[in-house]
């Protein structure tokens, strides 16, 4: 019993109950007295339930004011499961009025369910990906009055209001709590609590586990490039975020274009087909873990260019070069000043063989001929026998051994 007139405002008296680890349904019953003659509140009675020696957390039940000159019985239904244990702390806090008495008596541990406070079923852990909504569903058995207050408590003391309460039957109900767009900072232990003048129901603590969707640390690696394809290695051994990885995808786009495509990949290497020749592409890897919102941000991009098409990449087809008329008995004519692939701007894959269109003066193109240009394509070469005065460069051919032939 506390006589508030003999203490300063804010002073506290506390009783810490023994550690309990009951696995079967049980009920903690106690009686309180709070009264002053002038009707003012002598103070507040608070009840805390701390788990496994952890922080005190938020109040699970309290009362203040003046409640007639008599004792009132309250029940505390704590749902606890092995190997966890808990302690109940009773606290009296003196008010500013400093008139009246606060008392606590008949603290009993009963081996049967409470009749005035609902008992919660085991609350399970919830795992979500960062940025998603987390939902806890608390199922309780017992009588829930219209004055019952439902709330969720975080271990650090933050209180979260209920979203909805649904009565499954006359003695069973479901309380739903939602945390919006959670982040790693929301990862903690949570429990469900009911509060009324008759007592309180307290569930076990369950963990909110927040996972970060995975992102590759390094860009994919280029293994081979062609005029219409790129072969890459995903390079996903090191990631930022959480696994397990359940899906891998390639996202690619032209560096100068607005569109992008995503392809699912089930191997460490992948060939991107049907690309445009001599075009720069940006390629990234997307990784996905289980659950909604499990796809992480694209990893660092690989920027690579396809090769010039051979022989379909026609370069400067309108350029002509006048050739000297061969002398009698001369079988070959030298030529200079050729700049192959001038419109493509690239020279990869050229071995020194060029395709030329030959014509007689005033006549249309008559045939295709090979002209050998030793060294680089800019060096020049020798033209085969023929009384022809002009030639037009059409395109290049790949090095010997290539699978692409003449067009």
Protein backbone atom coordinates (compact mmCIF):
# COMPACT_ATOMS: atom_id res chain seq x y z
CA UNK A 1 0.00 0.00 0.00
CA UNK A 2 1.31 3.47 -0.93
CA UNK A 3 0.13 6.65 0.81
CA UNK A 4 0.66 9.23 -1.90
CA UNK A 5 0.48 12.14 0.57
CA UNK A 6 3.80 11.02 2.01
CA UNK A 7 5.69 11.01 -1.32
CA UNK A 8 6.69 13.48 -4.00
CA UNK A 9 4.95 13.55 -7.39
CA UNK A 10 6.49 11.04 -9.78
CA UNK A 11 7.97 8.80 -7.10
CA UNK A 12 7.57 5.09 -7.80
CA UNK A 13 7.15 1.87 -5.84
CA UNK A 14 7.75 -1.42 -7.69
CA UNK A 15 7.17 -5.13 -7.09
CA UNK A 16 8.95 -7.62 -9.39
CA UNK A 17 7.20 -10.99 -9.52
CA UNK A 18 9.14 -14.23 -9.74
CA UNK A 19 10.35 -15.53 -13.14
CA UNK A 20 7.74 -17.70 -14.84
CA UNK A 21 8.18 -20.23 -17.63
CA UNK A 22 4.79 -21.93 -17.66
CA UNK A 23 4.10 -23.79 -20.91
CA UNK A 24 0.48 -24.63 -20.22
CA UNK A 25 -2.33 -22.07 -20.19
CA UNK A 26 -2.36 -20.21 -16.89
CA UNK A 27 -3.62 -16.97 -15.39
CA UNK A 28 -2.00 -14.36 -13.17
CA UNK A 29 -4.62 -12.80 -10.89
CA UNK A 30 -4.24 -9.79 -8.59
CA UNK A 31 -6.32 -7.16 -6.79
CA UNK A 32 -5.74 -3.41 -6.65
CA UNK A 33 -6.95 -0.50 -4.50
CA UNK A 34 -6.84 3.11 -5.69
CA UNK A 35 -8.85 5.72 -3.79
CA UNK A 36 -8.88 9.27 -2.41
CA UNK A 37 -11.61 10.99 -0.38
CA UNK A 38 -11.74 14.11 -2.55
CA UNK A 39 -12.07 12.10 -5.78
CA UNK A 40 -8.66 13.07 -7.13
CA UNK A 41 -6.35 10.40 -8.47
CA UNK A 42 -3.63 9.42 -5.99
CA UNK A 43 -1.54 8.08 -8.86
CA UNK A 44 -1.29 5.33 -11.48
CA UNK A 45 -0.86 1.59 -11.24
CA UNK A 46 1.14 0.11 -14.15
CA UNK A 47 1.81 -3.51 -15.10
CA UNK A 48 4.76 -4.50 -17.31
CA UNK A 49 5.67 -7.91 -18.74
CA UNK A 50 9.31 -8.31 -19.74
CA UNK A 51 10.53 -11.35 -21.65
CA UNK A 52 13.77 -13.27 -21.15
CA UNK A 53 15.34 -10.55 -19.06
CA UNK A 54 14.94 -8.01 -21.86
CA UNK A 55 13.84 -4.37 -21.72
CA UNK A 56 10.79 -3.36 -19.69
CA UNK A 57 8.92 -2.24 -22.79
CA UNK A 58 5.47 -0.68 -22.75
CA UNK A 59 2.75 -0.93 -20.13
CA UNK A 60 0.42 -3.87 -20.80
CA UNK A 61 -2.21 -2.69 -18.33
CA UNK A 62 -2.74 0.38 -16.13
CA UNK A 63 -5.34 2.23 -14.08
CA UNK A 64 -5.62 5.70 -12.54
CA UNK A 65 -8.27 7.94 -10.97
CA UNK A 66 -10.29 7.09 -7.85
CA UNK A 67 -12.24 3.81 -7.91
CA UNK A 68 -14.32 3.74 -4.71
CA UNK A 69 -13.11 2.47 -1.40
CA UNK A 70 -12.85 -1.21 -2.38
CA UNK A 71 -10.60 -3.82 -3.99
CA UNK A 72 -10.90 -4.70 -7.67
CA UNK A 73 -9.80 -7.98 -9.24
CA UNK A 74 -7.81 -8.09 -12.51
CA UNK A 75 -6.47 -10.95 -14.64
CA UNK A 76 -3.32 -11.10 -16.72
CA UNK A 77 -3.27 -13.77 -19.47
CA UNK A 78 0.34 -14.10 -20.67
CA UNK A 79 0.98 -16.54 -23.53
CA UNK A 80 4.49 -17.87 -23.17
CA UNK A 81 6.10 -20.89 -24.78
CA UNK A 82 9.22 -22.89 -23.99
CA UNK A 83 12.08 -22.05 -23.74
CA UNK A 84 11.03 -18.45 -23.09
CA UNK A 85 10.35 -17.00 -19.66
CA UNK A 86 8.90 -13.76 -18.34
CA UNK A 87 8.54 -11.54 -15.30
CA UNK A 88 5.71 -9.24 -14.27
CA UNK A 89 6.55 -5.85 -12.78
CA UNK A 90 3.91 -3.93 -10.79
CA UNK A 91 4.50 -0.20 -10.42
CA UNK A 92 2.74 2.59 -8.45
CA UNK A 93 3.47 6.19 -9.52
CA UNK A 94 2.44 9.10 -7.28
CA UNK A 95 0.39 11.83 -8.97
CA UNK A 96 0.64 15.61 -8.55
CA UNK A 97 -2.46 15.67 -6.31
CA UNK A 98 -0.71 13.54 -3.67
CA UNK A 99 -3.96 12.49 -1.97
CA UNK A 100 -5.16 8.94 -1.41
CA UNK A 101 -3.85 5.42 -1.51
CA UNK A 102 -2.63 2.90 -4.08
CA UNK A 103 -2.55 -0.79 -3.10
CA UNK A 104 -1.82 -4.22 -4.54
CA UNK A 105 -2.73 -7.59 -2.98
CA UNK A 106 -3.57 -11.25 -3.61
CA UNK A 107 -1.16 -11.91 -6.47
CA UNK A 108 -1.93 -15.51 -7.52
CA UNK A 109 -0.71 -17.81 -10.31
CA UNK A 110 -3.63 -20.01 -11.40
CA UNK A 111 -3.20 -23.17 -13.47
CA UNK A 112 -6.30 -22.60 -15.58
CA UNK A 113 -7.29 -20.02 -18.22
CA UNK A 114 -8.36 -16.52 -17.30
CA UNK A 115 -12.06 -15.78 -17.51
CA UNK A 116 -11.77 -11.99 -17.86
CA UNK A 117 -8.82 -11.70 -20.26
CA UNK A 118 -8.31 -13.49 -23.63
CA UNK A 119 -5.40 -15.86 -24.27
CA UNK A 120 -3.38 -15.49 -27.49
CA UNK A 121 -2.25 -18.39 -29.64
CA UNK A 122 1.41 -18.54 -30.56
CA UNK A 123 2.41 -15.53 -32.67
CA UNK A 124 4.69 -16.51 -35.56
CA UNK A 125 7.61 -14.64 -37.06
CA UNK A 126 6.98 -12.57 -40.19
CA UNK A 127 9.52 -12.21 -43.00
CA UNK A 128 9.14 -9.58 -45.73
CA UNK A 129 11.33 -7.80 -48.24
CA UNK A 130 12.29 -4.19 -47.61
CA UNK A 131 9.72 -1.74 -48.95
CA UNK A 132 6.80 -4.14 -48.51
CA UNK A 133 4.00 -4.14 -45.94
CA UNK A 134 4.33 -6.52 -42.99
CA UNK A 135 1.19 -8.06 -41.48
CA UNK A 136 0.85 -9.74 -38.08
CA UNK A 137 -2.29 -11.73 -37.32
CA UNK A 138 -3.04 -12.40 -33.66
CA UNK A 139 -5.56 -15.12 -32.81
CA UNK A 140 -6.99 -15.13 -29.29
CA UNK A 141 -9.51 -17.22 -27.37
CA UNK A 142 -11.80 -15.87 -24.67
CA UNK A 143 -14.41 -13.19 -24.18
CA UNK A 144 -13.64 -9.88 -25.86
CA UNK A 145 -15.83 -7.02 -24.72
CA UNK A 146 -16.69 -3.93 -26.76
CA UNK A 147 -14.40 -1.91 -24.50
CA UNK A 148 -11.43 -4.16 -25.30
CA UNK A 149 -8.49 -2.30 -26.78
CA UNK A 150 -6.19 -4.14 -29.20
CA UNK A 151 -2.66 -3.00 -29.90
CA UNK A 152 0.76 -4.24 -30.95
CA UNK A 153 3.87 -3.41 -28.97
CA UNK A 154 7.40 -3.25 -30.24
CA UNK A 155 10.04 -4.43 -27.78
CA UNK A 156 11.51 -0.91 -27.56
CA UNK A 157 8.13 0.44 -26.38
CA UNK A 158 6.52 1.77 -29.57
CA UNK A 159 2.78 1.05 -29.76
CA UNK A 160 1.06 0.22 -33.08
CA UNK A 161 -2.76 0.43 -33.35
CA UNK A 162 -4.81 -2.43 -34.77
CA UNK A 163 -6.05 -2.43 -38.37
CA UNK A 164 -9.05 -4.71 -37.85
CA UNK A 165 -10.60 -7.19 -35.40
CA UNK A 166 -12.64 -10.07 -36.76
CA UNK A 167 -14.74 -12.37 -34.56
CA UNK A 168 -14.27 -15.93 -35.80
CA UNK A 169 -16.70 -17.29 -33.21
CA UNK A 170 -18.26 -16.13 -29.96
CA UNK A 171 -15.05 -17.08 -28.10
CA UNK A 172 -12.41 -16.64 -30.77
CA UNK A 173 -11.25 -13.55 -32.68
CA UNK A 174 -8.51 -12.38 -35.01
CA UNK A 175 -6.69 -9.04 -34.68
CA UNK A 176 -4.67 -7.80 -37.69
CA UNK A 177 -1.79 -5.34 -37.52
CA UNK A 178 0.07 -3.86 -40.47
CA UNK A 179 3.38 -2.02 -40.76
CA UNK A 180 3.69 -0.11 -44.03
CA UNK A 181 6.76 -0.16 -46.27
CA UNK A 182 9.10 -1.61 -43.70
CA UNK A 183 12.87 -1.16 -43.71
CA UNK A 184 15.77 -2.73 -41.84
CA UNK A 185 15.13 -0.22 -39.04
CA UNK A 186 11.73 -1.86 -38.38
CA UNK A 187 13.27 -5.26 -37.73
CA UNK A 188 12.53 -6.06 -34.10
CA UNK A 189 10.35 -8.15 -31.76
CA UNK A 190 6.58 -7.50 -31.65
CA UNK A 191 3.69 -8.77 -29.51
CA UNK A 192 -0.09 -8.42 -29.35
CA UNK A 193 -1.86 -6.97 -26.33
CA UNK A 194 -5.48 -6.50 -25.26
CA UNK A 195 -6.47 -4.04 -22.55
CA UNK A 196 -9.68 -3.52 -20.63
CA UNK A 197 -10.73 -2.66 -17.08
CA UNK A 198 -10.92 -6.40 -16.33
CA UNK A 199 -7.35 -7.17 -17.30
CA UNK A 200 -4.98 -7.79 -20.17
CA UNK A 201 -3.96 -10.52 -22.64
CA UNK A 202 -0.33 -10.60 -23.77
CA UNK A 203 1.10 -12.72 -26.58
CA UNK A 204 4.61 -14.01 -27.01
CA UNK A 205 7.12 -11.87 -28.91
CA UNK A 206 7.52 -12.64 -32.62
CA UNK A 207 10.27 -11.31 -34.84
CA UNK A 208 9.81 -9.11 -37.86
CA UNK A 209 12.55 -10.13 -40.30
CA UNK A 210 13.27 -7.62 -43.06
CA UNK A 211 15.33 -8.84 -46.00
CA UNK A 212 17.09 -6.64 -48.55
CA UNK A 213 16.54 -7.71 -52.19
CA UNK A 214 19.87 -8.75 -53.73
CA UNK A 215 21.97 -6.73 -56.17
CA UNK A 216 25.21 -7.88 -57.88
CA UNK A 217 28.33 -6.02 -56.80
CA UNK A 218 30.15 -6.36 -60.13
CA UNK A 219 28.93 -5.90 -63.72
CA UNK A 220 28.55 -8.90 -66.05
CA UNK A 221 31.61 -9.89 -68.11
CA UNK A 222 31.81 -9.93 -71.91
CA UNK A 223 32.99 -13.30 -73.26
CA UNK A 224 32.49 -12.77 -77.00
CA UNK A 225 30.96 -10.22 -79.35
CA UNK A 226 29.59 -10.61 -82.87
CA UNK A 227 27.73 -8.34 -85.22
CA UNK A 228 24.31 -9.50 -83.96
CA UNK A 229 25.07 -11.06 -80.58
CA UNK A 230 26.91 -10.65 -77.29
CA UNK A 231 27.87 -13.55 -75.03
CA UNK A 232 28.19 -12.56 -71.37
CA UNK A 233 28.89 -14.12 -68.00
CA UNK A 234 26.52 -13.03 -65.22
CA UNK A 235 29.22 -12.62 -62.55
CA UNK A 236 26.87 -12.96 -59.55
CA UNK A 237 29.14 -14.61 -56.98
CA UNK A 238 29.19 -11.45 -54.81
CA UNK A 239 25.99 -9.60 -53.95
CA UNK A 240 24.66 -6.83 -51.74
CA UNK A 241 21.49 -7.88 -49.89
CA UNK A 242 20.01 -11.21 -48.86
CA UNK A 243 19.53 -14.58 -50.53
CA UNK A 244 18.57 -17.13 -51.47
CA UNK A 245 18.54 -16.26 -55.18
CA UNK A 246 15.51 -17.82 -56.88
CA UNK A 247 15.65 -16.02 -60.23
CA UNK A 248 18.26 -14.33 -62.42
CA UNK A 249 17.50 -11.97 -65.28
CA UNK A 250 19.37 -9.95 -67.88
CA UNK A 251 18.20 -6.41 -68.58
CA UNK A 252 19.65 -4.78 -71.70
CA UNK A 253 19.08 -1.70 -73.81
CA UNK A 254 20.72 0.42 -76.45
CA UNK A 255 22.69 3.16 -74.72
CA UNK A 256 21.04 5.66 -77.08
CA UNK A 257 17.54 4.15 -77.03
CA UNK A 258 14.57 4.43 -74.60
CA UNK A 259 13.48 0.77 -74.70
CA UNK A 260 14.75 -2.13 -72.61
CA UNK A 261 14.16 -5.88 -72.46
CA UNK A 262 14.45 -8.41 -69.65
CA UNK A 263 15.33 -12.09 -70.23
CA UNK A 264 15.19 -14.83 -67.60
CA UNK A 265 18.48 -16.73 -67.30
CA UNK A 266 19.14 -20.18 -65.79
CA UNK A 267 22.87 -20.44 -66.52
CA UNK A 268 25.96 -18.41 -65.67
CA UNK A 269 26.51 -17.51 -69.34
CA UNK A 270 23.95 -16.08 -71.72
CA UNK A 271 23.84 -15.11 -75.39
CA UNK A 272 21.89 -12.03 -76.40
CA UNK A 273 20.62 -12.57 -79.95
CA UNK A 274 19.17 -10.38 -82.70
CA UNK A 275 21.13 -7.26 -81.82
CA UNK A 276 21.91 -4.45 -84.24
CA UNK A 277 25.40 -4.37 -85.76
CA UNK A 278 27.91 -1.80 -84.63
CA UNK A 279 25.64 -0.70 -81.74
CA UNK A 280 26.48 0.01 -78.12
CA UNK A 281 24.43 -1.81 -75.47
CA UNK A 282 24.08 -1.47 -71.69
CA UNK A 283 23.62 -4.81 -69.93
CA UNK A 284 22.76 -5.36 -66.24
CA UNK A 285 21.84 -8.35 -64.08
CA UNK A 286 18.69 -8.53 -61.92
CA UNK A 287 18.48 -10.91 -58.95
CA UNK A 288 15.34 -12.00 -57.10
CA UNK A 289 14.85 -13.61 -53.67
CA UNK A 290 11.58 -15.18 -52.39
CA UNK A 291 8.55 -13.03 -51.57
CA UNK A 292 6.80 -9.99 -52.98
CA UNK A 293 9.19 -7.21 -53.89
CA UNK A 294 12.13 -9.63 -53.89
CA UNK A 295 13.77 -8.26 -57.04
CA UNK A 296 16.71 -6.00 -56.28
CA UNK A 297 17.98 -3.01 -58.22
CA UNK A 298 19.94 -3.69 -61.43
CA UNK A 299 23.63 -4.31 -60.82
CA UNK A 300 26.43 -2.21 -62.34
CA UNK A 301 26.10 -2.21 -66.14
CA UNK A 302 28.40 -3.71 -68.76
CA UNK A 303 28.67 -1.39 -71.75
CA UNK A 304 29.69 -3.22 -74.91
CA UNK A 305 29.36 -2.80 -78.68
CA UNK A 306 28.47 -5.34 -81.34
CA UNK A 307 30.81 -5.75 -84.29
CA UNK A 308 30.26 -4.35 -87.75
CA UNK A 309 28.24 -6.73 -89.91
CA UNK A 310 30.23 -8.55 -92.60
CA UNK A 311 29.47 -8.35 -95.51
CA UNK A 312 26.12 -6.69 -94.94
CA UNK A 313 27.62 -3.46 -93.60
CA UNK A 314 28.13 -1.51 -96.83
CA UNK A 315 30.63 1.27 -96.52
CA UNK A 316 30.88 4.26 -98.83
CA UNK A 317 29.19 2.47 -101.76
CA UNK A 318 29.12 5.63 -103.86
CA UNK A 319 32.87 6.28 -103.78
CA UNK A 320 34.74 5.51 -107.02
CA UNK A 321 38.38 5.39 -107.89
CA UNK A 322 39.76 5.86 -111.40
CA UNK A 323 42.18 3.13 -112.39
CA UNK A 324 44.88 3.47 -115.01
CA UNK A 325 44.37 1.46 -118.20
CA UNK A 326 46.76 -1.50 -118.17
CA UNK A 327 49.50 -1.65 -120.76
CA UNK A 328 49.75 -4.41 -123.25
CA UNK A 329 50.94 -7.53 -121.46
CA UNK A 330 50.28 -5.99 -118.02
CA UNK A 331 48.29 -8.42 -115.92
CA UNK A 332 47.75 -6.38 -112.73
CA UNK A 333 47.06 -2.73 -111.94
CA UNK A 334 48.07 -1.15 -108.56
CA UNK A 335 45.46 0.91 -106.66
CA UNK A 336 45.79 3.34 -103.76
CA UNK A 337 43.67 5.63 -101.61
CA UNK A 338 41.01 3.17 -100.54
CA UNK A 339 39.38 3.82 -97.14
CA UNK A 340 37.27 0.71 -96.42
CA UNK A 341 34.42 0.73 -93.88
CA UNK A 342 34.31 4.51 -93.95
CA UNK A 343 30.59 4.64 -93.21
CA UNK A 344 30.82 2.07 -90.41
CA UNK A 345 33.77 3.71 -88.75
CA UNK A 346 35.16 0.33 -87.62
CA UNK A 347 37.72 -2.18 -89.00
CA UNK A 348 37.39 -5.25 -86.73
CA UNK A 349 37.45 -8.59 -88.52
CA UNK A 350 38.96 -7.39 -91.83
CA UNK A 351 41.80 -9.60 -93.06
CA UNK A 352 42.86 -7.61 -96.08
CA UNK A 353 40.41 -9.12 -98.58
CA UNK A 354 37.95 -6.62 -99.99
CA UNK A 355 34.90 -7.05 -102.18
CA UNK A 356 34.86 -4.73 -105.20
CA UNK A 357 32.37 -4.21 -107.99
CA UNK A 358 34.02 -3.81 -111.36
CA UNK A 359 32.61 -2.15 -114.46
CA UNK A 360 33.68 -1.05 -117.90
CA UNK A 361 33.33 2.65 -118.74
CA UNK A 362 29.69 3.51 -119.22
CA UNK A 363 28.42 0.03 -118.37
CA UNK A 364 26.68 -1.26 -115.22
CA UNK A 365 28.41 -3.33 -112.55
CA UNK A 366 29.45 -6.57 -114.15
CA UNK A 367 31.03 -8.80 -111.51
CA UNK A 368 32.40 -9.17 -108.01
CA UNK A 369 36.12 -9.63 -107.60
CA UNK A 370 38.50 -10.15 -104.73
CA UNK A 371 41.26 -7.67 -104.26
CA UNK A 372 44.06 -8.51 -101.84
CA UNK A 373 45.24 -5.59 -99.73
CA UNK A 374 48.25 -6.82 -97.74
CA UNK A 375 48.55 -5.50 -94.17
CA UNK A 376 45.71 -3.19 -93.21
CA UNK A 377 42.83 -2.46 -95.59
CA UNK A 378 44.18 1.06 -96.15
CA UNK A 379 47.42 -0.13 -97.75
CA UNK A 380 46.19 -0.64 -101.33
CA UNK A 381 46.61 -3.68 -103.60
CA UNK A 382 46.59 -5.14 -107.10
CA UNK A 383 43.59 -5.39 -109.44
CA UNK A 384 43.16 -8.51 -111.58
CA UNK A 385 43.58 -8.42 -115.33
CA UNK A 386 40.88 -6.59 -117.27
CA UNK A 387 40.33 -3.46 -119.33
CA UNK A 388 38.23 -1.83 -116.58
CA UNK A 389 38.44 1.81 -115.56
CA UNK A 390 36.45 2.12 -112.28
CA UNK A 391 35.75 0.08 -109.16
CA UNK A 392 33.44 0.57 -106.22
CA UNK A 393 34.22 -0.74 -102.73
CA UNK A 394 31.28 -2.72 -101.36
CA UNK A 395 32.35 -4.39 -98.10
CA UNK A 396 34.86 -6.46 -96.18
CA UNK A 397 35.11 -10.14 -95.32
CA UNK A 398 36.06 -11.79 -92.01
CA UNK A 399 39.44 -13.37 -91.32
CA UNK A 400 40.23 -16.84 -92.72
CA UNK A 401 38.40 -19.56 -90.82
CA UNK A 402 35.31 -17.44 -90.14
CA UNK A 403 31.94 -19.05 -90.77
CA UNK A 404 30.56 -15.98 -92.58
CA UNK A 405 31.08 -16.13 -96.39
CA UNK A 406 30.80 -13.72 -99.25
CA UNK A 407 27.53 -11.96 -99.86
